[in-house]
C-alpha atoms as a PDB file:
ATOM      1  CA  MET A   1      -7.298  -9.038  10.664  1.00  0.00           C
ATOM      2  CA  PHE A   2      -6.868  -7.710   7.244  1.00  0.00           C
ATOM      3  CA  ILE A   3      -5.888  -3.945   7.827  1.00  0.00           C
ATOM      4  CA  ASP A   4      -5.247  -1.414   5.101  1.00  0.00           C
ATOM      5  CA  LYS A   5      -6.048   2.276   5.934  1.00  0.00           C
ATOM      6  CA  VAL A   6      -5.016   3.859   9.211  1.00  0.00           C
ATOM      7  CA  LYS A   7      -4.516   7.135  10.747  1.00  0.00           C
ATOM      8  CA  LEU A   8      -2.114   8.436  13.259  1.00  0.00           C
ATOM      9  CA  THR A   9      -0.269  11.445  14.527  1.00  0.00           C
ATOM     10  CA  LEU A  10       3.661  11.449  13.981  1.00  0.00           C
ATOM     11  CA  SER A  11       5.787  13.116  16.073  1.00  0.00           C
ATOM     12  CA  SER A  12       9.782  13.691  15.853  1.00  0.00           C
ATOM     13  CA  GLY A  13      11.692  14.128  18.999  1.00  0.00           C
ATOM     14  CA  ASN A  14      12.647  17.045  20.592  1.00  0.00           C
ATOM     15  CA  GLY A  15      15.921  18.403  21.350  1.00  0.00           C
ATOM     16  CA  GLY A  16      17.327  18.364  24.542  1.00  0.00           C
ATOM     17  CA  LYS A  17      18.070  22.312  26.219  1.00  0.00           C
ATOM     18  CA  GLY A  18      21.643  23.174  26.640  1.00  0.00           C
ATOM     19  CA  ALA A  19      23.460  22.894  30.507  1.00  0.00           C
ATOM     20  CA  VAL A  20      24.089  26.351  32.232  1.00  0.00           C
ATOM     21  CA  SER A  21      26.800  24.885  34.261  1.00  0.00           C
ATOM     22  CA  PHE A  22      30.460  26.549  35.813  1.00  0.00           C
ATOM     23  CA  ARG A  23      33.091  24.611  36.634  1.00  0.00           C
ATOM     24  CA  ARG A  24      33.478  24.264  40.546  1.00  0.00           C
ATOM     25  CA  GLU A  25      36.977  22.801  41.360  1.00  0.00           C
ATOM     26  CA  LYS A  26      39.121  22.850  44.241  1.00  0.00           C
ATOM     27  CA  HIS A  27      42.520  24.381  42.729  1.00  0.00           C
ATOM     28  CA  VAL A  28      40.670  26.517  39.783  1.00  0.00           C
ATOM     29  CA  PRO A  29      39.342  29.575  41.718  1.00  0.00           C
ATOM     30  CA  LEU A  30      38.044  31.593  38.385  1.00  0.00           C
ATOM     31  CA  GLY A  31      36.184  28.168  36.890  1.00  0.00           C
ATOM     32  CA  GLY A  32      34.563  28.917  33.903  1.00  0.00           C
ATOM     33  CA  PRO A  33      31.181  27.827  32.291  1.00  0.00           C
ATOM     34  CA  ASP A  34      31.186  24.162  31.638  1.00  0.00           C
ATOM     35  CA  GLY A  35      27.631  23.532  30.249  1.00  0.00           C
ATOM     36  CA  GLY A  36      27.052  20.220  27.626  1.00  0.00           C
ATOM     37  CA  ASP A  37      24.600  20.847  24.413  1.00  0.00           C
ATOM     38  CA  GLY A  38      21.823  19.510  24.726  1.00  0.00           C
ATOM     39  CA  GLY A  39      20.969  15.675  22.553  1.00  0.00           C
ATOM     40  CA  ASP A  40      19.020  15.805  19.095  1.00  0.00           C
ATOM     41  CA  GLY A  41      15.517  14.194  19.051  1.00  0.00           C
ATOM     42  CA  GLY A  42      15.295  11.067  17.242  1.00  0.00           C
ATOM     43  CA  ASP A  43      13.919  10.849  13.423  1.00  0.00           C
ATOM     44  CA  VAL A  44      10.483   9.328  12.380  1.00  0.00           C
ATOM     45  CA  LEU A  45      12.011   7.115   9.838  1.00  0.00           C
ATOM     46  CA  PHE A  46       9.499   4.521   7.720  1.00  0.00           C
ATOM     47  CA  ILE A  47      11.669   1.053   6.551  1.00  0.00           C
ATOM     48  CA  CYS A  48       9.513  -1.728   4.157  1.00  0.00           C
ATOM     49  CA  ASP A  49       9.451  -4.730   4.826  1.00  0.00           C
ATOM     50  CA  ASN A  50       8.038  -7.682   2.667  1.00  0.00           C
ATOM     51  CA  ASN A  51       7.526  -9.540   6.017  1.00  0.00           C
ATOM     52  CA  ALA A  52       4.843  -7.140   7.235  1.00  0.00           C
ATOM     53  CA  HIS A  53       1.154  -8.023   5.301  1.00  0.00           C
ATOM     54  CA  THR A  54      -0.980  -5.232   6.816  1.00  0.00           C
ATOM     55  CA  LEU A  55      -1.231  -2.321   8.746  1.00  0.00           C
ATOM     56  CA  ALA A  56      -2.864  -4.299  11.736  1.00  0.00           C
ATOM     57  CA  ASN A  57       0.272  -3.289  14.069  1.00  0.00           C
ATOM     58  CA  PHE A  58      -1.154   0.030  14.322  1.00  0.00           C
ATOM     59  CA  LYS A  59      -5.030  -0.681  15.259  1.00  0.00           C
ATOM     60  CA  GLY A  60      -5.687   1.425  18.053  1.00  0.00           C
ATOM     61  CA  LYS A  61      -3.138   3.697  17.885  1.00  0.00           C
ATOM     62  CA  LYS A  62      -3.709   7.570  17.579  1.00  0.00           C
ATOM     63  CA  GLU A  63       0.105   8.956  18.594  1.00  0.00           C
ATOM     64  CA  LEU A  64       3.647   7.933  17.842  1.00  0.00           C
ATOM     65  CA  LYS A  65       6.419   9.649  18.906  1.00  0.00           C
ATOM     66  CA  ALA A  66      10.277   9.038  18.629  1.00  0.00           C
ATOM     67  CA  GLN A  67      12.257   9.924  21.869  1.00  0.00           C
ATOM     68  CA  ASN A  68      12.885  13.246  22.792  1.00  0.00           C
ATOM     69  CA  GLY A  69      16.822  13.868  23.383  1.00  0.00           C
ATOM     70  CA  GLU A  70      18.510  14.531  26.994  1.00  0.00           C
ATOM     71  CA  ASP A  71      19.279  17.721  28.402  1.00  0.00           C
ATOM     72  CA  GLY A  72      23.189  18.914  28.517  1.00  0.00           C
ATOM     73  CA  GLN A  73      24.876  18.654  31.551  1.00  0.00           C
ATOM     74  CA  ARG A  74      28.009  19.577  33.590  1.00  0.00           C
ATOM     75  CA  ARG A  75      31.326  19.012  32.459  1.00  0.00           C
ATOM     76  CA  ASN A  76      30.456  19.791  28.895  1.00  0.00           C
ATOM     77  CA  ARG A  77      28.809  16.552  28.193  1.00  0.00           C
ATOM     78  CA  THR A  78      26.448  16.231  25.683  1.00  0.00           C
ATOM     79  CA  GLY A  79      22.669  15.365  26.381  1.00  0.00           C
ATOM     80  CA  LYS A  80      22.161  11.541  24.987  1.00  0.00           C
ATOM     81  CA  ARG A  81      20.255  11.750  21.283  1.00  0.00           C
ATOM     82  CA  GLY A  82      16.649  10.460  21.609  1.00  0.00           C
ATOM     83  CA  GLN A  83      15.914   7.163  19.748  1.00  0.00           C
ATOM     84  CA  ASN A  84      14.626   7.159  16.539  1.00  0.00           C
ATOM     85  CA  LEU A  85      11.377   5.869  16.202  1.00  0.00           C
ATOM     86  CA  GLU A  86      11.445   3.310  13.284  1.00  0.00           C
ATOM     87  CA  ILE A  87       7.849   2.433  11.403  1.00  0.00           C
ATOM     88  CA  ILE A  88       7.657  -1.373   9.540  1.00  0.00           C
ATOM     89  CA  VAL A  89       5.052  -1.310   6.920  1.00  0.00           C
ATOM     90  CA  PRO A  90       4.621  -3.575   3.998  1.00  0.00           C
ATOM     91  CA  GLU A  91       5.690  -3.145   0.384  1.00  0.00           C
ATOM     92  CA  GLY A  92       2.779  -0.932  -1.423  1.00  0.00           C
ATOM     93  CA  THR A  93       2.341   1.338   1.992  1.00  0.00           C
ATOM     94  CA  GLN A  94       1.850   5.473   0.951  1.00  0.00           C
ATOM     95  CA  VAL A  95       2.103   7.722   3.382  1.00  0.00           C
ATOM     96  CA  ILE A  96      -0.542  10.817   3.020  1.00  0.00           C
ATOM     97  CA  ASP A  97      -0.994  13.890   4.499  1.00  0.00           C
ATOM     98  CA  ASP A  98      -4.268  13.353   5.585  1.00  0.00           C
ATOM     99  CA  GLU A  99      -4.900  17.563   6.009  1.00  0.00           C
ATOM    100  CA  SER A 100      -3.907  17.935   2.350  1.00  0.00           C
ATOM    101  CA  GLY A 101      -4.299  14.780   0.847  1.00  0.00           C
ATOM    102  CA  GLU A 102      -0.442  15.125  -0.799  1.00  0.00           C
ATOM    103  CA  LEU A 103       1.137  11.862  -1.033  1.00  0.00           C
ATOM    104  CA  LEU A 104       4.302  12.360   1.157  1.00  0.00           C
ATOM    105  CA  LEU A 105       5.849   8.720   1.084  1.00  0.00           C
ATOM    106  CA  ASP A 106       5.328   5.828  -1.328  1.00  0.00           C
ATOM    107  CA  LEU A 107       6.899   2.628  -0.252  1.00  0.00           C
ATOM    108  CA  VAL A 108       7.178   0.081  -2.883  1.00  0.00           C
ATOM    109  CA  PHE A 109      10.673  -2.230  -2.530  1.00  0.00           C
ATOM    110  CA  GLU A 110      11.685  -4.686  -0.011  1.00  0.00           C
ATOM    111  CA  GLY A 111      14.114  -2.851   2.580  1.00  0.00           C
ATOM    112  CA  GLN A 112      13.150   1.005   1.355  1.00  0.00           C
ATOM    113  CA  LYS A 113      14.042   3.555   4.293  1.00  0.00           C
ATOM    114  CA  GLU A 114      12.908   6.770   4.062  1.00  0.00           C
ATOM    115  CA  LEU A 115      13.640   9.865   6.580  1.00  0.00           C
ATOM    116  CA  PHE A 116      10.159  11.151   7.405  1.00  0.00           C
ATOM    117  CA  LEU A 117      10.613  13.674  10.201  1.00  0.00           C
ATOM    118  CA  LYS A 118      13.666  15.147  10.868  1.00  0.00           C
ATOM    119  CA  GLY A 119      14.258  15.385  15.130  1.00  0.00           C
ATOM    120  CA  GLY A 120      14.836  18.729  17.058  1.00  0.00           C
ATOM    121  CA  LYS A 121      18.817  19.803  17.439  1.00  0.00           C
ATOM    122  CA  GLY A 122      19.464  19.656  20.741  1.00  0.00           C
ATOM    123  CA  GLY A 123      20.536  23.478  22.174  1.00  0.00           C
ATOM    124  CA  LEU A 124      24.256  24.934  23.077  1.00  0.00           C
ATOM    125  CA  GLY A 125      25.302  24.857  26.054  1.00  0.00           C
ATOM    126  CA  ASN A 126      26.759  28.249  28.047  1.00  0.00           C
ATOM    127  CA  ILE A 127      30.599  27.048  27.033  1.00  0.00           C
ATOM    128  CA  HIS A 128      29.514  28.242  23.558  1.00  0.00           C
ATOM    129  CA  PHE A 129      28.868  31.606  25.117  1.00  0.00           C
ATOM    130  CA  LYS A 130      31.792  32.874  26.676  1.00  0.00           C
ATOM    131  CA  ASN A 131      33.739  36.252  25.229  1.00  0.00           C
ATOM    132  CA  ALA A 132      35.776  38.480  25.957  1.00  0.00           C
ATOM    133  CA  THR A 133      33.101  40.859  27.665  1.00  0.00           C
ATOM    134  CA  ASN A 134      31.106  37.793  29.623  1.00  0.00           C
ATOM    135  CA  GLN A 135      33.158  35.651  31.159  1.00  0.00           C
ATOM    136  CA  ARG A 136      30.627  33.494  32.843  1.00  0.00           C
ATOM    137  CA  PRO A 137      27.144  33.627  30.900  1.00  0.00           C
ATOM    138  CA  ASP A 138      24.383  32.179  32.666  1.00  0.00           C
ATOM    139  CA  TYR A 139      22.406  31.159  29.572  1.00  0.00           C
ATOM    140  CA  ALA A 140      21.852  28.390  27.056  1.00  0.00           C
ATOM    141  CA  GLN A 141      20.211  27.639  24.126  1.00  0.00           C
ATOM    142  CA  PRO A 142      16.533  25.701  24.422  1.00  0.00           C
ATOM    143  CA  GLY A 143      16.659  22.433  22.565  1.00  0.00           C
ATOM    144  CA  ILE A 144      14.646  22.911  18.785  1.00  0.00           C
ATOM    145  CA  LYS A 145      11.198  21.204  19.108  1.00  0.00           C
ATOM    146  CA  GLY A 146      10.605  18.419  16.914  1.00  0.00           C
ATOM    147  CA  GLN A 147       8.495  18.166  13.854  1.00  0.00           C
ATOM    148  CA  SER A 148       4.366  16.869  13.630  1.00  0.00           C
ATOM    149  CA  LYS A 149       2.393  15.333  10.972  1.00  0.00           C
ATOM    150  CA  PHE A 150      -1.079  13.647  11.060  1.00  0.00           C
ATOM    151  CA  VAL A 151      -1.170  10.985   8.275  1.00  0.00           C
ATOM    152  CA  ARG A 152      -2.942   8.725   6.400  1.00  0.00           C
ATOM    153  CA  LEU A 153      -1.384   5.390   5.962  1.00  0.00           C
ATOM    154  CA  GLU A 154      -3.019   3.299   2.910  1.00  0.00           C
ATOM    155  CA  LEU A 155      -1.938   0.101   1.604  1.00  0.00           C
ATOM    156  CA  LYS A 156      -2.023  -1.004  -2.156  1.00  0.00           C
ATOM    157  CA  LEU A 157      -0.652  -4.249  -2.464  1.00  0.00           C
ATOM    158  CA  ILE A 158       1.817  -4.665  -5.289  1.00  0.00           C
ATOM    159  CA  ALA A 159       0.385  -6.914  -8.145  1.00  0.00           C
ATOM    160  CA  ASP A 160       1.462  -7.780 -11.754  1.00  0.00           C
ATOM    161  CA  VAL A 161      -2.244  -8.639 -13.074  1.00  0.00           C
ATOM    162  CA  GLY A 162      -5.733  -7.372 -11.125  1.00  0.00           C
ATOM    163  CA  LEU A 163      -8.731  -9.691 -11.115  1.00  0.00           C
ATOM    164  CA  VAL A 164     -12.096  -7.711 -11.787  1.00  0.00           C
ATOM    165  CA  GLY A 165     -15.688  -9.145 -11.486  1.00  0.00           C
ATOM    166  CA  PHE A 166     -19.007  -9.469  -9.731  1.00  0.00           C
ATOM    167  CA  PRO A 167     -19.015 -11.297  -6.705  1.00  0.00           C
ATOM    168  CA  ASN A 168     -19.078 -15.001  -6.814  1.00  0.00           C
ATOM    169  CA  VAL A 169     -18.106 -15.470 -10.630  1.00  0.00           C
ATOM    170  CA  GLY A 170     -14.960 -17.620 -10.096  1.00  0.00           C
ATOM    171  CA  LYS A 171     -12.534 -15.039  -9.175  1.00  0.00           C
ATOM    172  CA  SER A 172     -11.197 -16.846  -5.749  1.00  0.00           C
ATOM    173  CA  THR A 173     -11.785 -20.530  -7.226  1.00  0.00           C
ATOM    174  CA  LEU A 174      -9.146 -19.029 -10.400  1.00  0.00           C
ATOM    175  CA  ILE A 175      -6.467 -17.270  -7.955  1.00  0.00           C
ATOM    176  CA  SER A 176      -6.616 -20.748  -5.974  1.00  0.00           C
ATOM    177  CA  VAL A 177      -5.737 -23.185  -9.173  1.00  0.00           C
ATOM    178  CA  LEU A 178      -3.314 -20.929 -10.368  1.00  0.00           C
ATOM    179  CA  SER A 179      -1.767 -19.699  -7.648  1.00  0.00           C
ATOM    180  CA  ASN A 180      -0.350 -20.585  -4.310  1.00  0.00           C
ATOM    181  CA  ALA A 181      -3.159 -18.260  -2.858  1.00  0.00           C
ATOM    182  CA  ARG A 182      -5.970 -20.198  -0.590  1.00  0.00           C
ATOM    183  CA  PRO A 183      -8.721 -18.238  -0.896  1.00  0.00           C
ATOM    184  CA  GLU A 184     -12.609 -19.245   1.101  1.00  0.00           C
ATOM    185  CA  ILE A 185     -14.215 -20.125  -2.150  1.00  0.00           C
ATOM    186  CA  ALA A 186     -18.347 -21.053  -1.205  1.00  0.00           C
ATOM    187  CA  ASN A 187     -21.379 -20.898  -3.184  1.00  0.00           C
ATOM    188  CA  TYR A 188     -23.088 -17.535  -1.860  1.00  0.00           C
ATOM    189  CA  GLU A 189     -21.585 -13.800  -2.681  1.00  0.00           C
ATOM    190  CA  PHE A 190     -18.743 -12.035  -0.952  1.00  0.00           C
ATOM    191  CA  THR A 191     -16.718 -14.500   0.085  1.00  0.00           C
ATOM    192  CA  THR A 192     -13.713 -12.973  -0.566  1.00  0.00           C
ATOM    193  CA  LEU A 193     -14.070  -9.859   2.016  1.00  0.00           C
ATOM    194  CA  THR A 194     -10.466  -8.566   1.793  1.00  0.00           C
ATOM    195  CA  PRO A 195      -7.546  -8.774  -1.054  1.00  0.00           C
ATOM    196  CA  LYS A 196      -5.895 -11.515  -2.028  1.00  0.00           C
ATOM    197  CA  LEU A 197      -2.524 -12.071  -3.379  1.00  0.00           C
ATOM    198  CA  GLY A 198      -1.435 -15.098  -5.109  1.00  0.00           C
ATOM    199  CA  VAL A 199       1.962 -15.936  -6.872  1.00  0.00           C
ATOM    200  CA  VAL A 200       1.703 -17.651 -10.939  1.00  0.00           C
ATOM    201  CA  GLU A 201       4.633 -19.806 -11.293  1.00  0.00           C
ATOM    202  CA  VAL A 202       4.633 -19.353 -15.343  1.00  0.00           C
ATOM    203  CA  ASP A 203       7.779 -22.226 -15.593  1.00  0.00           C
ATOM    204  CA  GLU A 204      10.856 -22.759 -13.467  1.00  0.00           C
ATOM    205  CA  ASP A 205      12.324 -18.719 -14.506  1.00  0.00           C
ATOM    206  CA  HIS A 206       9.219 -17.255 -14.666  1.00  0.00           C
ATOM    207  CA  SER A 207       6.083 -15.720 -12.562  1.00  0.00           C
ATOM    208  CA  PHE A 208       3.796 -12.993 -11.806  1.00  0.00           C
ATOM    209  CA  VAL A 209       1.728 -12.173  -8.838  1.00  0.00           C
ATOM    210  CA  MET A 210      -2.332 -11.719  -9.345  1.00  0.00           C
ATOM    211  CA  ALA A 211      -4.527 -10.150  -6.693  1.00  0.00           C
ATOM    212  CA  ASP A 212      -8.222 -11.048  -5.752  1.00  0.00           C
ATOM    213  CA  ILE A 213     -10.876  -8.098  -4.317  1.00  0.00           C
ATOM    214  CA  PRO A 214     -13.689  -8.672  -3.187  1.00  0.00           C
ATOM    215  CA  GLY A 215     -16.570  -8.523  -5.957  1.00  0.00           C
ATOM    216  CA  ILE A 216     -18.206  -4.885  -7.243  1.00  0.00           C
ATOM    217  CA  ILE A 217     -21.558  -4.845  -7.577  1.00  0.00           C
ATOM    218  CA  GLU A 218     -23.328  -2.155  -9.813  1.00  0.00           C
ATOM    219  CA  GLY A 219     -23.792   0.850  -7.596  1.00  0.00           C
ATOM    220  CA  ALA A 220     -19.961   0.109  -6.203  1.00  0.00           C
ATOM    221  CA  SER A 221     -19.489   3.918  -7.191  1.00  0.00           C
ATOM    222  CA  LYS A 222     -22.404   4.735  -4.737  1.00  0.00           C
ATOM    223  CA  GLY A 223     -21.118   3.119  -1.733  1.00  0.00           C
ATOM    224  CA  LYS A 224     -22.678  -0.554  -2.354  1.00  0.00           C
ATOM    225  CA  GLY A 225     -21.235  -3.670  -1.874  1.00  0.00           C
ATOM    226  CA  LEU A 226     -17.285  -3.961  -0.641  1.00  0.00           C
ATOM    227  CA  GLY A 227     -15.654  -3.990  -4.078  1.00  0.00           C
ATOM    228  CA  LEU A 228     -15.497  -0.176  -4.083  1.00  0.00           C
ATOM    229  CA  GLU A 229     -13.566  -0.368  -0.952  1.00  0.00           C
ATOM    230  CA  PHE A 230     -10.944  -2.455  -2.159  1.00  0.00           C
ATOM    231  CA  LEU A 231      -9.993  -1.373  -6.074  1.00  0.00           C
ATOM    232  CA  ARG A 232      -7.166   0.632  -4.576  1.00  0.00           C
ATOM    233  CA  HIS A 233      -5.399  -2.563  -4.164  1.00  0.00           C
ATOM    234  CA  ILE A 234      -5.444  -2.954  -7.989  1.00  0.00           C
ATOM    235  CA  GLU A 235      -4.563   0.818  -9.004  1.00  0.00           C
ATOM    236  CA  ARG A 236      -0.749  -0.647  -9.487  1.00  0.00           C
ATOM    237  CA  THR A 237      -1.573  -3.283 -11.224  1.00  0.00           C
ATOM    238  CA  ALA A 238       0.205  -3.927 -14.819  1.00  0.00           C
ATOM    239  CA  PHE A 239      -2.743  -5.588 -16.652  1.00  0.00           C
ATOM    240  CA  LEU A 240      -6.425  -6.121 -15.532  1.00  0.00           C
ATOM    241  CA  LEU A 241      -8.712  -9.453 -16.034  1.00  0.00           C
ATOM    242  CA  PHE A 242     -12.117  -9.293 -15.931  1.00  0.00           C
ATOM    243  CA  VAL A 243     -13.708 -12.559 -14.914  1.00  0.00           C
ATOM    244  CA  LEU A 244     -17.629 -12.769 -16.366  1.00  0.00           C
ATOM    245  CA  ASP A 245     -19.938 -15.723 -15.325  1.00  0.00           C
ATOM    246  CA  PRO A 246     -22.472 -17.094 -18.325  1.00  0.00           C
ATOM    247  CA  LEU A 247     -24.659 -17.879 -15.512  1.00  0.00           C
ATOM    248  CA  ARG A 248     -25.716 -14.531 -14.278  1.00  0.00           C
ATOM    249  CA  ASN A 249     -28.774 -13.058 -15.557  1.00  0.00           C
ATOM    250  CA  ASP A 250     -27.139 -10.164 -16.933  1.00  0.00           C
ATOM    251  CA  ASP A 251     -25.200 -11.035 -20.604  1.00  0.00           C
ATOM    252  CA  LEU A 252     -21.679 -10.812 -21.032  1.00  0.00           C
ATOM    253  CA  LYS A 253     -21.425  -7.615 -22.678  1.00  0.00           C
ATOM    254  CA  THR A 254     -23.867  -5.690 -20.050  1.00  0.00           C
ATOM    255  CA  GLN A 255     -21.637  -7.334 -16.886  1.00  0.00           C
ATOM    256  CA  PHE A 256     -18.437  -5.991 -19.643  1.00  0.00           C
ATOM    257  CA  GLU A 257     -20.050  -2.666 -19.360  1.00  0.00           C
ATOM    258  CA  ILE A 258     -20.921  -2.182 -15.909  1.00  0.00           C
ATOM    259  CA  LEU A 259     -17.559  -3.183 -14.414  1.00  0.00           C
ATOM    260  CA  ARG A 260     -15.989  -1.008 -16.605  1.00  0.00           C
ATOM    261  CA  LYS A 261     -17.981   1.984 -15.149  1.00  0.00           C
ATOM    262  CA  GLU A 262     -18.178   1.338 -12.071  1.00  0.00           C
ATOM    263  CA  LEU A 263     -14.127   1.414 -12.942  1.00  0.00           C
ATOM    264  CA  GLU A 264     -14.138   4.662 -14.666  1.00  0.00           C
ATOM    265  CA  ASN A 265     -16.133   6.359 -11.638  1.00  0.00           C
ATOM    266  CA  PHE A 266     -13.501   5.691  -9.422  1.00  0.00           C
ATOM    267  CA  SER A 267     -10.035   5.980 -11.158  1.00  0.00           C
ATOM    268  CA  LYS A 268      -9.575   7.103 -14.620  1.00  0.00           C
ATOM    269  CA  LYS A 269      -6.388   5.855 -14.300  1.00  0.00           C
ATOM    270  CA  LEU A 270      -7.671   2.560 -13.602  1.00  0.00           C
ATOM    271  CA  PHE A 271     -10.368   2.216 -16.034  1.00  0.00           C
ATOM    272  CA  GLN A 272      -7.597   2.974 -18.583  1.00  0.00           C
ATOM    273  CA  ARG A 273      -5.421   0.116 -18.168  1.00  0.00           C
ATOM    274  CA  ASN A 274      -5.001  -2.244 -20.581  1.00  0.00           C
ATOM    275  CA  PHE A 275      -7.247  -5.553 -19.856  1.00  0.00           C
ATOM    276  CA  GLY A 276      -8.649  -9.193 -21.048  1.00  0.00           C
ATOM    277  CA  VAL A 277     -11.129 -10.768 -20.851  1.00  0.00           C
ATOM    278  CA  MET A 278     -11.609 -14.182 -19.122  1.00  0.00           C
ATOM    279  CA  ILE A 279     -15.462 -16.328 -19.625  1.00  0.00           C
ATOM    280  CA  SER A 280     -15.154 -18.181 -16.422  1.00  0.00           C
ATOM    281  CA  LYS A 281     -17.414 -21.454 -15.847  1.00  0.00           C
ATOM    282  CA  SER A 282     -17.076 -22.702 -19.214  1.00  0.00           C
ATOM    283  CA  ASP A 283     -17.660 -26.392 -18.520  1.00  0.00           C
ATOM    284  CA  SER A 284     -21.327 -25.071 -18.104  1.00  0.00           C
ATOM    285  CA  VAL A 285     -21.974 -25.208 -21.876  1.00  0.00           C
ATOM    286  CA  ASN A 286     -22.598 -29.026 -20.529  1.00  0.00           C
ATOM    287  CA  LEU A 287     -26.263 -27.536 -19.975  1.00  0.00           C
ATOM    288  CA  GLY A 288     -27.825 -28.273 -23.148  1.00  0.00           C
ATOM    289  CA  ALA A 289     -27.290 -27.660 -26.843  1.00  0.00           C
ATOM    290  CA  GLU A 290     -29.109 -24.076 -26.409  1.00  0.00           C
ATOM    291  CA  PHE A 291     -27.503 -23.020 -23.692  1.00  0.00           C
ATOM    292  CA  ALA A 292     -24.311 -23.189 -25.260  1.00  0.00           C
ATOM    293  CA  GLU A 293     -25.765 -21.089 -28.243  1.00  0.00           C
ATOM    294  CA  LYS A 294     -26.690 -18.405 -26.306  1.00  0.00           C
ATOM    295  CA  ILE A 295     -23.318 -18.333 -24.683  1.00  0.00           C
ATOM    296  CA  ALA A 296     -21.565 -18.471 -28.067  1.00  0.00           C
ATOM    297  CA  ASN A 297     -23.750 -15.337 -29.187  1.00  0.00           C
ATOM    298  CA  GLU A 298     -22.968 -13.665 -26.424  1.00  0.00           C
ATOM    299  CA  THR A 299     -19.125 -13.926 -26.587  1.00  0.00           C
ATOM    300  CA  MET A 300     -19.455 -12.642 -30.424  1.00  0.00           C
ATOM    301  CA  ALA A 301     -21.290  -9.862 -29.136  1.00  0.00           C
ATOM    302  CA  LEU A 302     -18.943  -9.045 -27.207  1.00  0.00           C
ATOM    303  CA  LYS A 303     -16.084  -9.569 -29.203  1.00  0.00           C
ATOM    304  CA  LYS A 304     -17.360  -7.208 -31.426  1.00  0.00           C
ATOM    305  CA  TYR A 305     -17.996  -4.786 -28.822  1.00  0.00           C
ATOM    306  CA  LEU A 306     -14.051  -5.573 -27.498  1.00  0.00           C
ATOM    307  CA  GLU A 307     -12.935  -4.708 -31.174  1.00  0.00           C
ATOM    308  CA  ALA A 308     -14.264  -1.113 -31.100  1.00  0.00           C
ATOM    309  CA  GLN A 309     -12.276  -0.513 -27.721  1.00  0.00           C
ATOM    310  CA  ASN A 310      -8.516   1.020 -27.670  1.00  0.00           C
ATOM    311  CA  ASN A 311      -7.171  -2.007 -26.207  1.00  0.00           C
ATOM    312  CA  PRO A 312      -4.623  -3.351 -28.423  1.00  0.00           C
ATOM    313  CA  GLN A 313      -3.938  -5.987 -26.045  1.00  0.00           C
ATOM    314  CA  SER A 314      -7.381  -7.447 -25.271  1.00  0.00           C
ATOM    315  CA  PHE A 315      -8.560 -10.903 -25.673  1.00  0.00           C
ATOM    316  CA  ILE A 316     -11.183 -13.371 -24.663  1.00  0.00           C
ATOM    317  CA  LEU A 317     -11.080 -16.727 -23.313  1.00  0.00           C
ATOM    318  CA  GLU A 318     -12.947 -19.008 -21.700  1.00  0.00           C
ATOM    319  CA  VAL A 319     -11.923 -21.374 -18.716  1.00  0.00           C
ATOM    320  CA  SER A 320     -13.281 -23.934 -16.264  1.00  0.00           C
ATOM    321  CA  SER A 321     -11.094 -23.369 -13.157  1.00  0.00           C
ATOM    322  CA  LEU A 322     -13.285 -26.620 -12.212  1.00  0.00           C
ATOM    323  CA  GLU A 323     -12.659 -28.361 -14.871  1.00  0.00           C
ATOM    324  CA  LYS A 324      -9.005 -27.209 -14.956  1.00  0.00           C
ATOM    325  CA  THR A 325      -9.623 -26.449 -18.802  1.00  0.00           C
ATOM    326  CA  GLY A 326      -8.042 -22.962 -20.502  1.00  0.00           C
ATOM    327  CA  LEU A 327      -5.674 -22.396 -17.672  1.00  0.00           C
ATOM    328  CA  SER A 328      -2.610 -22.902 -19.303  1.00  0.00           C
ATOM    329  CA  GLU A 329      -3.590 -20.742 -22.527  1.00  0.00           C
ATOM    330  CA  LEU A 330      -4.534 -17.776 -19.823  1.00  0.00           C
ATOM    331  CA  LYS A 331      -1.057 -18.228 -17.566  1.00  0.00           C
ATOM    332  CA  PHE A 332       1.186 -17.538 -20.626  1.00  0.00           C
ATOM    333  CA  LYS A 333      -1.665 -14.834 -22.464  1.00  0.00           C
ATOM    334  CA  LEU A 334      -1.741 -13.370 -19.222  1.00  0.00           C
ATOM    335  CA  PHE A 335       2.280 -12.848 -18.629  1.00  0.00           C
ATOM    336  CA  GLU A 336       2.754 -12.137 -21.808  1.00  0.00           C
ATOM    337  CA  CYS A 337       0.357  -9.297 -21.949  1.00  0.00           C
ATOM    338  CA  LYS A 338       1.834  -7.873 -18.564  1.00  0.00           C
ATOM    339  CA  ASN A 339       5.517  -7.985 -19.529  1.00  0.00           C
ATOM    340  CA  LYS A 340       4.011  -5.550 -22.857  1.00  0.00           C
ATOM    341  CA  THR A 341       2.421  -3.221 -20.586  1.00  0.00           C
ATOM    342  CA  GLN A 342       5.459  -3.146 -18.372  1.00  0.00           C
ATOM    343  CA  ALA A 343       8.241  -2.847 -21.582  1.00  0.00           C
END
């Protein structure tokens, strides 16, 4: 099950109480205080692990807490420290304060380990309070309480290229023939219900990661369809590829304008990302000369429109994933544009 957003209350452990104790030995008639310190409470830490892929492990959980420190003991023995709470999350997980919306942690690379909440300090035992005027202190410090935070964990997939398009335009087929991803492919809309990642091999030494999200429809920014819910998964991408379908009722330019508008409504930052355009199902020109001429005219109109956009890396390529034409050119073009954007 793909789960990319959860809410949790996280708490570090409380410090243990210091002990109030006095030496009681047969040959020590004036035994003094010997109460030990309380143990520190456990910390809350986040660990980034690329073996985790979703936040499904947190499904149904509302609160996670580190272990409390144990109380101090007689004979000046310190209580045991509380066990840390280590939270394993996938790469791309953000920890957000659910009340203020502040980004608290961003876990983006394998092995990253971050201290999130420090455990409470254990209290001092009564042995620390003996002095010249008070030889038998009968008090000790209580432990300090741990910290608590109500947070939202959000997973944003980390990819180099993000696919943007309407449902059933060929995004899933493209990522299946270009990469190692194997999404569900069918002749109906919304076959992609969750984001997918695929590694695209450019040559023996170079590759990049491509992300596919559920198709976007007009009005997505107002809650229609599935795509907007998952747009955050392409917020980290260096480059966007708009996939347009010549078989849709809307012409290519109109499709592009609708998709760009939905991106702008979701995120100004994502809207300004460098992009290219792929016209899918180029084998559809075999439907006849009249249809081929129509697509050629639409492509020319789109090219003129793109020339007015502030995106020096923009390109238009015609690709057929079914007949595997144009794939090599697209692969190298995406790799080149991704590298220029990240430079």
